[in-house]
Amino acid sequence: MGFMVLWFYGFMVLWFYGFMVLWFYGFMVLWFYGFMVLWFYGFHVA
């Protein structure tokens, strides 16, 4: 019983941590990509 509770808790922690890491990584990638596109576009337009 205790093992099942511990396994479930560990699974929830890993899932939440993985979700946060993926969200933060995706946000950083989108921000960096948008910044690069704006910089490249502005550099060529100027």
Protein backbone atom coordinates (compact mmCIF):
# COMPACT_ATOMS: atom_id res chain seq x y z
CA MET A 1 0.00 0.00 0.00
CA GLY A 2 2.72 2.46 0.97
CA PHE A 3 4.71 1.50 -2.11
CA MET A 4 1.72 2.26 -4.36
CA VAL A 5 1.20 5.65 -2.71
CA LEU A 6 4.90 6.48 -3.04
CA TRP A 7 4.91 5.36 -6.70
CA PHE A 8 1.81 7.44 -7.46
CA TYR A 9 3.29 10.48 -5.72
CA GLY A 10 6.59 10.10 -7.58
CA PHE A 11 4.73 9.72 -10.88
CA MET A 12 2.71 12.89 -10.24
CA VAL A 13 5.84 14.85 -9.28
CA LEU A 14 7.71 13.66 -12.38
CA TRP A 15 4.73 14.44 -14.63
CA PHE A 16 4.29 17.93 -13.16
CA TYR A 17 8.05 18.65 -13.33
CA GLY A 18 8.25 17.39 -16.91
CA PHE A 19 5.23 19.49 -17.88
CA MET A 20 6.77 22.61 -16.35
CA VAL A 21 10.12 21.96 -18.06
CA LEU A 22 8.45 21.39 -21.44
CA TRP A 23 6.31 24.54 -21.05
CA PHE A 24 9.30 26.68 -20.02
CA TYR A 25 11.49 25.23 -22.80
CA GLY A 26 8.75 25.78 -25.41
CA PHE A 27 8.22 29.35 -24.19
CA MET A 28 11.95 30.10 -24.39
CA VAL A 29 12.22 28.57 -27.89
CA LEU A 30 9.21 30.54 -29.15
CA TRP A 31 10.54 33.78 -27.63
CA PHE A 32 14.04 33.23 -29.04
CA TYR A 33 12.66 32.28 -32.47
CA GLY A 34 10.36 35.33 -32.55
CA PHE A 35 13.24 37.60 -31.50
CA MET A 36 15.51 36.16 -34.22
CA VAL A 37 12.78 36.56 -36.86
CA LEU A 38 12.11 40.17 -35.84
CA TRP A 39 15.84 40.97 -35.78
CA PHE A 40 16.44 39.30 -39.16
CA TYR A 41 13.40 41.03 -40.70
CA GLY A 42 14.37 44.42 -39.29
CA PHE A 43 17.99 43.99 -40.40
CA HIS A 44 16.96 43.22 -44.00
CA VAL A 45 14.29 45.93 -44.14
CA ALA A 46 16.56 48.62 -42.74
